[in-house]
């Protein structure tokens, strides 16, 4: 482990920078979605990590993904929940505003 640490050094940050770089390139310089750029960046990062160490097999990546999702699983659902509730809450706010206008009109208009 220590030998890998000395061998790789600060190059370990290259895959993470690669993901962000591909996302920004896709967002600003192409007409494709930044999500596609991020996906391409992830695949390039996996290839770079595979080059760094032959022990990085696909099963290692899948186990690490599983472990991370076990840790942040419920938190990763929060944005989806808020996105699903957004239109509902907007509709409720609109209905409350309309109800307020109806009450004001009923009270003050002859």
C-alpha atoms as a PDB file:
ATOM      1  CA  UNK A   1       0.000   0.000   0.000  1.00  0.00           C
ATOM      2  CA  UNK A   2       2.789   2.400   0.935  1.00  0.00           C
ATOM      3  CA  UNK A   3       4.599   1.511  -2.274  1.00  0.00           C
ATOM      4  CA  UNK A   4       1.509   2.377  -4.354  1.00  0.00           C
ATOM      5  CA  UNK A   5       1.179   5.633  -2.462  1.00  0.00           C
ATOM      6  CA  UNK A   6       4.751   6.631  -3.310  1.00  0.00           C
ATOM      7  CA  UNK A   7       4.362   5.439  -6.908  1.00  0.00           C
ATOM      8  CA  UNK A   8       1.123   7.308  -7.637  1.00  0.00           C
ATOM      9  CA  UNK A   9       1.656  10.346  -5.406  1.00  0.00           C
ATOM     10  CA  UNK A  10      -0.453  13.376  -6.261  1.00  0.00           C
ATOM     11  CA  UNK A  11      -1.479  11.838  -9.603  1.00  0.00           C
ATOM     12  CA  UNK A  12      -4.364  10.304  -7.677  1.00  0.00           C
ATOM     13  CA  UNK A  13      -6.283  13.567  -8.190  1.00  0.00           C
ATOM     14  CA  UNK A  14      -6.112  13.320 -11.994  1.00  0.00           C
ATOM     15  CA  UNK A  15      -9.233  11.082 -12.317  1.00  0.00           C
ATOM     16  CA  UNK A  16     -11.331  13.447 -10.173  1.00  0.00           C
ATOM     17  CA  UNK A  17     -10.169  16.469 -12.167  1.00  0.00           C
ATOM     18  CA  UNK A  18     -10.865  14.521 -15.343  1.00  0.00           C
ATOM     19  CA  UNK A  19     -14.525  14.081 -14.384  1.00  0.00           C
ATOM     20  CA  UNK A  20     -14.982  17.786 -13.715  1.00  0.00           C
ATOM     21  CA  UNK A  21     -13.060  18.783 -16.844  1.00  0.00           C
ATOM     22  CA  UNK A  22     -15.163  16.609 -19.143  1.00  0.00           C
ATOM     23  CA  UNK A  23     -18.338  17.936 -17.519  1.00  0.00           C
ATOM     24  CA  UNK A  24     -17.300  21.548 -18.077  1.00  0.00           C
ATOM     25  CA  UNK A  25     -16.167  20.866 -21.630  1.00  0.00           C
ATOM     26  CA  UNK A  26     -19.507  19.273 -22.453  1.00  0.00           C
ATOM     27  CA  UNK A  27     -21.436  22.105 -20.798  1.00  0.00           C
ATOM     28  CA  UNK A  28     -19.660  25.031 -22.395  1.00  0.00           C
ATOM     29  CA  UNK A  29     -18.257  23.859 -25.715  1.00  0.00           C
ATOM     30  CA  UNK A  30     -20.705  21.276 -27.064  1.00  0.00           C
ATOM     31  CA  UNK A  31     -24.433  20.935 -27.477  1.00  0.00           C
ATOM     32  CA  UNK A  32     -24.608  17.697 -25.514  1.00  0.00           C
ATOM     33  CA  UNK A  33     -25.728  17.527 -21.921  1.00  0.00           C
ATOM     34  CA  UNK A  34     -23.175  18.013 -19.132  1.00  0.00           C
ATOM     35  CA  UNK A  35     -24.372  14.669 -17.768  1.00  0.00           C
ATOM     36  CA  UNK A  36     -23.032  12.975 -20.876  1.00  0.00           C
ATOM     37  CA  UNK A  37     -19.724  14.763 -20.378  1.00  0.00           C
ATOM     38  CA  UNK A  38     -19.659  13.644 -16.765  1.00  0.00           C
ATOM     39  CA  UNK A  39     -20.331  10.043 -17.814  1.00  0.00           C
ATOM     40  CA  UNK A  40     -17.498  10.178 -20.335  1.00  0.00           C
ATOM     41  CA  UNK A  41     -15.274  11.678 -17.642  1.00  0.00           C
ATOM     42  CA  UNK A  42     -16.131   8.830 -15.277  1.00  0.00           C
ATOM     43  CA  UNK A  43     -15.227   6.225 -17.893  1.00  0.00           C
ATOM     44  CA  UNK A  44     -11.942   8.002 -18.636  1.00  0.00           C
ATOM     45  CA  UNK A  45     -11.246   8.188 -14.889  1.00  0.00           C
ATOM     46  CA  UNK A  46     -11.872   4.448 -14.553  1.00  0.00           C
ATOM     47  CA  UNK A  47      -9.426   3.807 -17.396  1.00  0.00           C
ATOM     48  CA  UNK A  48      -6.826   6.059 -15.741  1.00  0.00           C
ATOM     49  CA  UNK A  49      -7.286   4.281 -12.404  1.00  0.00           C
ATOM     50  CA  UNK A  50      -6.961   0.949 -14.168  1.00  0.00           C
ATOM     51  CA  UNK A  51      -3.667   2.130 -15.687  1.00  0.00           C
ATOM     52  CA  UNK A  52      -2.419   3.217 -12.261  1.00  0.00           C
ATOM     53  CA  UNK A  53      -2.943  -0.216 -10.738  1.00  0.00           C
ATOM     54  CA  UNK A  54      -3.912  -3.535 -12.283  1.00  0.00           C
ATOM     55  CA  UNK A  55      -5.664  -4.472  -9.033  1.00  0.00           C
ATOM     56  CA  UNK A  56      -8.429  -1.968  -9.914  1.00  0.00           C
ATOM     57  CA  UNK A  57     -10.786  -4.440 -11.526  1.00  0.00           C
ATOM     58  CA  UNK A  58     -14.440  -3.733 -12.328  1.00  0.00           C
ATOM     59  CA  UNK A  59     -15.480  -5.672  -9.228  1.00  0.00           C
ATOM     60  CA  UNK A  60     -13.418  -3.268  -7.083  1.00  0.00           C
ATOM     61  CA  UNK A  61     -15.257  -0.304  -8.588  1.00  0.00           C
ATOM     62  CA  UNK A  62     -18.636  -1.965  -8.078  1.00  0.00           C
ATOM     63  CA  UNK A  63     -17.858  -2.832  -4.451  1.00  0.00           C
ATOM     64  CA  UNK A  64     -16.712   0.734  -3.782  1.00  0.00           C
ATOM     65  CA  UNK A  65     -19.868   2.121  -5.396  1.00  0.00           C
ATOM     66  CA  UNK A  66     -21.999  -0.201  -3.314  1.00  0.00           C
ATOM     67  CA  UNK A  67     -20.189   0.812  -0.126  1.00  0.00           C
ATOM     68  CA  UNK A  68     -20.602   4.520  -0.928  1.00  0.00           C
ATOM     69  CA  UNK A  69     -24.306   4.126  -1.714  1.00  0.00           C
ATOM     70  CA  UNK A  70     -24.781   2.285   1.580  1.00  0.00           C
ATOM     71  CA  UNK A  71     -23.323   5.310   3.348  1.00  0.00           C
ATOM     72  CA  UNK A  72     -25.079   8.090   1.425  1.00  0.00           C
ATOM     73  CA  UNK A  73     -28.083   6.162   0.092  1.00  0.00           C
ATOM     74  CA  UNK A  74     -30.844   8.006   1.940  1.00  0.00           C
ATOM     75  CA  UNK A  75     -29.168  11.352   1.329  1.00  0.00           C
ATOM     76  CA  UNK A  76     -28.953  10.701  -2.393  1.00  0.00           C
ATOM     77  CA  UNK A  77     -32.747  10.352  -2.516  1.00  0.00           C
ATOM     78  CA  UNK A  78     -33.370  13.831  -1.081  1.00  0.00           C
ATOM     79  CA  UNK A  79     -32.804  15.780  -4.337  1.00  0.00           C
ATOM     80  CA  UNK A  80     -35.128  13.412  -6.200  1.00  0.00           C
ATOM     81  CA  UNK A  81     -37.767  13.803  -3.506  1.00  0.00           C
ATOM     82  CA  UNK A  82     -37.543  17.589  -3.609  1.00  0.00           C
ATOM     83  CA  UNK A  83     -37.677  17.550  -7.414  1.00  0.00           C
ATOM     84  CA  UNK A  84     -40.841  15.447  -7.257  1.00  0.00           C
ATOM     85  CA  UNK A  85     -42.410  17.692  -4.617  1.00  0.00           C
ATOM     86  CA  UNK A  86     -41.527  20.918  -6.445  1.00  0.00           C
ATOM     87  CA  UNK A  87     -44.503  21.030  -8.847  1.00  0.00           C
ATOM     88  CA  UNK A  88     -46.866  19.964  -6.060  1.00  0.00           C
ATOM     89  CA  UNK A  89     -45.659  22.717  -3.727  1.00  0.00           C
ATOM     90  CA  UNK A  90     -45.831  25.260  -6.543  1.00  0.00           C
ATOM     91  CA  UNK A  91     -49.411  24.215  -7.272  1.00  0.00           C
ATOM     92  CA  UNK A  92     -50.312  24.487  -3.592  1.00  0.00           C
ATOM     93  CA  UNK A  93     -48.825  27.989  -3.395  1.00  0.00           C
ATOM     94  CA  UNK A  94     -50.731  29.033  -6.506  1.00  0.00           C
ATOM     95  CA  UNK A  95     -53.995  27.665  -5.126  1.00  0.00           C
ATOM     96  CA  UNK A  96     -53.470  29.455  -1.819  1.00  0.00           C
ATOM     97  CA  UNK A  97     -52.819  32.721  -3.651  1.00  0.00           C
ATOM     98  CA  UNK A  98     -55.957  32.278  -5.761  1.00  0.00           C
ATOM     99  CA  UNK A  99     -57.955  31.521  -2.629  1.00  0.00           C
ATOM    100  CA  UNK A 100     -56.654  34.713  -1.053  1.00  0.00           C
ATOM    101  CA  UNK A 101     -57.673  36.759  -4.101  1.00  0.00           C
ATOM    102  CA  UNK A 102     -61.121  35.148  -4.101  1.00  0.00           C
ATOM    103  CA  UNK A 103     -61.648  36.039  -0.453  1.00  0.00           C
ATOM    104  CA  UNK A 104     -60.485  39.604  -0.983  1.00  0.00           C
ATOM    105  CA  UNK A 105     -62.716  39.986  -4.045  1.00  0.00           C
ATOM    106  CA  UNK A 106     -65.694  38.499  -2.225  1.00  0.00           C
ATOM    107  CA  UNK A 107     -65.197  40.788   0.735  1.00  0.00           C
ATOM    108  CA  UNK A 108     -64.472  44.106  -1.004  1.00  0.00           C
ATOM    109  CA  UNK A 109     -66.193  43.957  -4.375  1.00  0.00           C
ATOM    110  CA  UNK A 110     -69.939  44.543  -4.584  1.00  0.00           C
END
